[in-house]
Amino acid sequence: MREFAAEYLRRTREGMWDDSRDALAPLALESRERILDVGCGTGELSRVLAAESPGTVIGCDVDSTLLETARTRNGVSAVAGNALELPFPDDTFDLVVCQALLINLPDPAAAVSEFARVSNDLVAAIEPDNAAVEIASSVDREERLEQRARQAYLDGVGTDVTLGSDANEAFESAGLEVCETRSYDHVRTISPPYEEHALTVARRKATGAGLADDRETLLAGELTEAEYGDLRSSWREMGRRVIDQMQTEAYRRSERVPFYVTVGRADDR
């Protein structure tokens, strides 16, 4: 499983569900007594589950550092555990859910099967389709370069980070009947006044540091060293244009990440 820093998880998941929680309706959160959030990370989803449910919410993650943050969320308990070997007896929860977890696992169906073991009712997965991310930017080259970098990343990464609406296949492979799939778009925007994180991201683009972090994955696919060098050079130039626009408060950027909420029932297995 791929690992992520607490700041990355907080930033990418912060604000999700604040505009609408309609896609979570099939989870019937208002009637849940015991909910398990697997791969909870810093507890962003756990917080939402606790706010919408009268029951107990427990977050579970293999990373003890992330769990320290998750435990600060109101109404959330957190325990250490592996998604493939959950530290709970059979039928402990009436809802087991994960967000952006299956895309990081080499065998998503094995995890869904383990979720079903500890659930006496519903299992749900909230997974993105990272191939369908849409970027709109006031810097003309940013959208095209991000698409190029994203495709190279998708080619090189070792798990299916495009899982999205196809999560039902993992459910069916695990022997669950899919009840429903709903879509939700998580939109993140950058506009003035710019937050410090946005300024940091712009500086990293201008230096090529962001691409350097993913160099190994980018080169694991079909991208050659020469193509990587060309991409990074263009990326740095794009970053300098971002900074130029920021200096005049002209820079605008939006990113739409499509998520899919797949729900299956475990009690008839």
Protein backbone atom coordinates (compact mmCIF):
# COMPACT_ATOMS: atom_id res chain seq x y z
CA MET A 1 0.00 0.00 0.00
CA ARG A 2 1.18 3.50 -0.80
CA GLU A 3 1.84 5.80 2.15
CA PHE A 4 0.90 9.46 2.50
CA ALA A 5 1.86 12.30 4.82
CA ALA A 6 -0.71 13.74 7.21
CA GLU A 7 -0.58 17.17 5.55
CA TYR A 8 -1.25 15.67 2.12
CA LEU A 9 -4.30 13.76 3.38
CA ARG A 10 -5.65 16.77 5.25
CA ARG A 11 -5.23 19.05 2.27
CA THR A 12 -6.71 16.72 -0.36
CA ARG A 13 -9.70 15.69 1.77
CA GLU A 14 -10.39 18.92 3.64
CA GLY A 15 -13.73 20.43 2.73
CA MET A 16 -14.99 17.30 1.03
CA TRP A 17 -18.74 16.88 1.67
CA ASP A 18 -19.07 20.46 2.98
CA ASP A 19 -21.10 21.52 -0.08
CA SER A 20 -23.34 18.44 -0.28
CA ARG A 21 -23.71 15.04 1.38
CA ASP A 22 -26.42 13.71 -0.92
CA ALA A 23 -24.10 11.00 -2.28
CA LEU A 24 -23.81 9.59 1.25
CA ALA A 25 -27.58 9.06 1.55
CA PRO A 26 -27.43 5.30 0.69
CA LEU A 27 -25.30 4.79 3.83
CA ALA A 28 -28.36 5.68 5.98
CA LEU A 29 -26.04 7.34 8.48
CA GLU A 30 -28.92 8.60 10.59
CA SER A 31 -29.73 5.00 11.61
CA ARG A 32 -26.20 3.64 12.15
CA GLU A 33 -25.12 2.42 15.58
CA ARG A 34 -21.50 1.36 14.89
CA ILE A 35 -19.45 2.64 11.95
CA LEU A 36 -15.90 1.70 10.98
CA ASP A 37 -13.86 4.03 8.76
CA VAL A 38 -11.04 1.90 7.31
CA GLY A 39 -7.89 3.71 6.21
CA CYS A 40 -9.21 6.76 8.04
CA GLY A 41 -5.92 8.66 7.80
CA THR A 42 -6.31 11.98 9.59
CA GLY A 43 -10.02 11.39 10.14
CA GLU A 44 -11.55 13.79 7.62
CA LEU A 45 -14.29 11.33 6.62
CA SER A 46 -14.62 10.06 10.20
CA ARG A 47 -15.55 13.60 11.25
CA VAL A 48 -18.34 13.71 8.65
CA LEU A 49 -19.63 10.28 9.65
CA ALA A 50 -19.73 11.29 13.32
CA ALA A 51 -21.60 14.49 12.49
CA GLU A 52 -24.24 12.64 10.46
CA SER A 53 -24.69 9.58 12.69
CA PRO A 54 -25.97 9.15 16.26
CA GLY A 55 -23.84 6.05 16.70
CA THR A 56 -20.20 5.26 17.46
CA VAL A 57 -17.57 5.99 14.80
CA ILE A 58 -14.22 4.21 14.91
CA GLY A 59 -11.37 5.07 12.58
CA CYS A 60 -8.79 2.44 11.67
CA ASP A 61 -5.41 2.96 9.99
CA VAL A 62 -1.99 1.31 9.89
CA ASP A 63 -0.20 4.64 10.41
CA SER A 64 0.00 5.57 14.10
CA THR A 65 1.05 9.14 13.25
CA LEU A 66 -2.09 9.72 11.21
CA LEU A 67 -4.23 8.21 13.97
CA GLU A 68 -2.99 10.86 16.41
CA THR A 69 -4.71 13.47 14.27
CA ALA A 70 -7.81 11.32 13.72
CA ARG A 71 -8.31 11.04 17.47
CA THR A 72 -8.75 14.82 17.70
CA ARG A 73 -11.95 14.66 15.65
CA ASN A 74 -15.11 15.11 17.71
CA GLY A 75 -17.00 11.87 18.26
CA VAL A 76 -14.29 9.67 16.74
CA SER A 77 -12.24 6.87 18.30
CA ALA A 78 -9.27 5.45 16.42
CA VAL A 79 -7.40 2.15 16.51
CA ALA A 80 -4.42 0.74 14.63
CA GLY A 81 -5.19 -1.95 12.09
CA ASN A 82 -4.56 -3.32 8.61
CA ALA A 83 -7.39 -3.20 6.05
CA LEU A 84 -6.69 -6.84 5.15
CA GLU A 85 -6.66 -8.05 8.76
CA LEU A 86 -9.02 -5.85 10.73
CA PRO A 87 -8.69 -6.23 14.53
CA PHE A 88 -12.42 -6.84 15.10
CA PRO A 89 -14.69 -9.90 15.42
CA ASP A 90 -17.21 -10.82 12.74
CA ASP A 91 -20.35 -8.67 12.48
CA THR A 92 -19.04 -5.92 14.77
CA PHE A 93 -20.35 -2.96 12.74
CA ASP A 94 -23.49 -2.10 10.80
CA LEU A 95 -21.49 0.02 8.34
CA VAL A 96 -17.88 -0.35 7.18
CA VAL A 97 -16.69 2.40 4.86
CA CYS A 98 -13.47 3.63 3.27
CA GLN A 99 -12.49 6.69 1.26
CA ALA A 100 -9.70 6.71 -1.35
CA LEU A 101 -8.30 3.48 0.09
CA LEU A 102 -9.01 0.77 -2.49
CA ILE A 103 -7.16 2.73 -5.17
CA ASN A 104 -3.98 2.27 -3.11
CA LEU A 105 -4.30 -1.49 -2.60
CA PRO A 106 -3.03 -4.17 -5.00
CA ASP A 107 -6.06 -6.38 -4.28
CA PRO A 108 -9.15 -4.22 -3.56
CA ALA A 109 -11.49 -7.23 -3.48
CA ALA A 110 -9.52 -8.79 -0.59
CA ALA A 111 -10.06 -5.63 1.45
CA VAL A 112 -13.79 -5.50 0.60
CA SER A 113 -14.12 -9.13 1.69
CA GLU A 114 -12.54 -8.26 5.04
CA PHE A 115 -14.89 -5.28 5.38
CA ALA A 116 -17.83 -7.63 4.83
CA ARG A 117 -16.54 -9.98 7.52
CA VAL A 118 -16.78 -7.33 10.24
CA SER A 119 -20.05 -5.81 8.96
CA ASN A 120 -23.50 -7.17 9.64
CA ASP A 121 -25.13 -4.86 7.12
CA LEU A 122 -23.51 -2.37 4.71
CA VAL A 123 -20.08 -1.96 3.15
CA ALA A 124 -19.27 1.23 1.25
CA ALA A 125 -16.30 2.55 -0.70
CA ILE A 126 -15.80 6.17 -1.74
CA GLU A 127 -13.22 6.05 -4.52
CA PRO A 128 -12.02 8.57 -7.12
CA ASP A 129 -11.37 8.15 -10.80
CA ASN A 130 -8.03 9.91 -11.07
CA ALA A 131 -7.99 9.56 -14.86
CA ALA A 132 -11.05 11.83 -15.09
CA VAL A 133 -9.70 14.74 -13.04
CA GLU A 134 -10.40 18.08 -14.75
CA ILE A 135 -8.21 21.18 -14.40
CA ALA A 136 -9.11 24.73 -15.41
CA SER A 137 -6.42 27.38 -15.05
CA SER A 138 -5.74 30.96 -16.05
CA VAL A 139 -2.27 29.71 -17.11
CA ASP A 140 -2.85 28.20 -20.54
CA ARG A 141 -0.24 25.46 -20.30
CA GLU A 142 -1.16 24.20 -16.84
CA GLU A 143 -4.10 22.02 -17.86
CA ARG A 144 -2.21 20.34 -20.72
CA LEU A 145 0.94 19.72 -18.67
CA GLU A 146 -1.02 18.32 -15.73
CA GLN A 147 -2.82 15.93 -18.06
CA ARG A 148 0.52 14.80 -19.46
CA ALA A 149 2.03 14.29 -16.02
CA ARG A 150 -1.10 12.54 -14.75
CA GLN A 151 -1.10 10.06 -17.63
CA ALA A 152 2.56 9.25 -17.04
CA TYR A 153 1.81 8.76 -13.33
CA LEU A 154 -1.14 6.47 -14.10
CA ASP A 155 1.09 4.41 -16.38
CA GLY A 156 3.71 3.97 -13.68
CA VAL A 157 1.77 3.58 -10.45
CA GLY A 158 1.30 0.02 -9.22
CA THR A 159 -2.37 0.15 -8.22
CA ASP A 160 -5.62 1.10 -9.96
CA VAL A 161 -5.97 4.76 -9.02
CA THR A 162 -8.76 5.12 -11.60
CA LEU A 163 -11.02 2.64 -9.76
CA GLY A 164 -13.89 5.10 -9.25
CA SER A 165 -17.18 3.81 -10.60
CA ASP A 166 -15.63 0.40 -11.23
CA ALA A 167 -15.36 -0.33 -7.50
CA ASN A 168 -18.47 -2.47 -7.96
CA GLU A 169 -16.20 -5.07 -9.58
CA ALA A 170 -14.24 -5.43 -6.32
CA PHE A 171 -17.53 -5.78 -4.42
CA GLU A 172 -18.80 -8.47 -6.76
CA SER A 173 -15.47 -10.31 -6.64
CA ALA A 174 -15.78 -10.31 -2.85
CA GLY A 175 -19.25 -11.84 -3.12
CA LEU A 176 -21.28 -8.75 -2.24
CA GLU A 177 -24.34 -7.55 -4.11
CA VAL A 178 -23.99 -3.89 -5.04
CA CYS A 179 -26.97 -1.89 -3.86
CA GLU A 180 -26.17 1.47 -5.39
CA THR A 181 -23.45 3.73 -6.78
CA ARG A 182 -23.65 7.52 -6.57
CA SER A 183 -21.26 10.17 -7.84
CA TYR A 184 -19.82 13.19 -6.08
CA ASP A 185 -17.45 15.81 -7.47
CA HIS A 186 -14.89 17.26 -5.09
CA VAL A 187 -13.85 20.68 -6.40
CA ARG A 188 -10.83 22.56 -5.08
CA THR A 189 -10.15 26.13 -6.15
CA ILE A 190 -7.31 28.64 -5.90
CA SER A 191 -8.03 32.37 -6.11
CA PRO A 192 -6.84 35.52 -4.33
CA PRO A 193 -6.12 36.08 -1.55
CA TYR A 194 -3.81 33.09 -1.93
CA GLU A 195 -3.26 30.78 1.02
CA GLU A 196 0.29 29.92 2.01
CA HIS A 197 -0.12 26.39 0.70
CA ALA A 198 -1.06 27.70 -2.76
CA LEU A 199 2.08 29.84 -2.76
CA THR A 200 4.17 26.83 -1.75
CA VAL A 201 2.69 24.71 -4.54
CA ALA A 202 3.45 27.46 -7.07
CA ARG A 203 7.07 27.66 -5.91
CA ARG A 204 7.42 23.87 -6.17
CA LYS A 205 6.08 23.99 -9.72
CA ALA A 206 8.60 26.69 -10.62
CA THR A 207 11.46 24.53 -9.30
CA GLY A 208 10.10 21.22 -10.60
CA ALA A 209 10.18 19.81 -7.07
CA GLY A 210 6.72 18.27 -7.33
CA LEU A 211 7.61 16.24 -10.40
CA ALA A 212 10.92 15.26 -8.81
CA ASP A 213 9.00 13.70 -5.90
CA ASP A 214 7.13 11.46 -8.37
CA ARG A 215 10.10 10.81 -10.67
CA GLU A 216 10.36 7.10 -9.88
CA THR A 217 6.68 6.48 -10.56
CA LEU A 218 6.67 8.63 -13.71
CA LEU A 219 9.59 6.66 -15.14
CA ALA A 220 8.09 3.28 -14.20
CA GLY A 221 5.70 3.54 -17.13
CA GLU A 222 6.39 4.46 -20.74
CA LEU A 223 7.91 7.89 -20.07
CA THR A 224 11.60 8.03 -20.99
CA GLU A 225 14.32 9.95 -19.18
CA ALA A 226 14.46 12.45 -22.05
CA GLU A 227 10.67 12.92 -21.99
CA TYR A 228 10.77 13.36 -18.23
CA GLY A 229 13.44 16.04 -18.60
CA ASP A 230 11.36 17.84 -21.22
CA LEU A 231 8.25 17.60 -19.07
CA ARG A 232 10.05 18.97 -16.02
CA SER A 233 11.49 21.86 -18.01
CA SER A 234 8.04 22.80 -19.31
CA TRP A 235 6.63 22.30 -15.81
CA ARG A 236 9.09 24.79 -14.32
CA GLU A 237 8.24 27.36 -16.98
CA MET A 238 4.54 26.87 -16.27
CA GLY A 239 5.25 27.36 -12.56
CA ARG A 240 6.98 30.65 -13.23
CA ARG A 241 3.91 31.84 -15.14
CA VAL A 242 1.73 30.85 -12.18
CA ILE A 243 3.89 32.93 -9.86
CA ASP A 244 3.80 35.88 -12.29
CA GLN A 245 0.00 35.80 -12.31
CA MET A 246 -0.11 35.46 -8.54
CA GLN A 247 1.90 38.64 -8.18
CA THR A 248 -0.89 40.54 -9.94
CA GLU A 249 -3.65 38.42 -8.34
CA ALA A 250 -4.67 37.20 -11.78
CA TYR A 251 -4.15 33.49 -11.15
CA ARG A 252 -7.20 31.24 -10.91
CA ARG A 253 -7.31 27.45 -10.79
CA SER A 254 -9.97 24.81 -10.20
CA GLU A 255 -9.65 21.05 -9.95
CA ARG A 256 -12.58 18.64 -10.15
CA VAL A 257 -12.02 15.13 -8.80
CA PRO A 258 -14.90 12.71 -9.47
CA PHE A 259 -15.65 10.32 -6.59
CA TYR A 260 -18.05 7.36 -6.61
CA VAL A 261 -19.86 6.01 -3.55
CA THR A 262 -20.40 2.27 -4.00
CA VAL A 263 -22.60 0.50 -1.45
CA GLY A 264 -23.04 -3.25 -0.97
CA ARG A 265 -24.79 -5.44 1.57
CA ALA A 266 -22.90 -7.95 3.66
CA ASP A 267 -25.60 -9.62 5.78
CA ASP A 268 -26.70 -12.21 3.17
CA ARG A 269 -23.22 -13.56 2.50
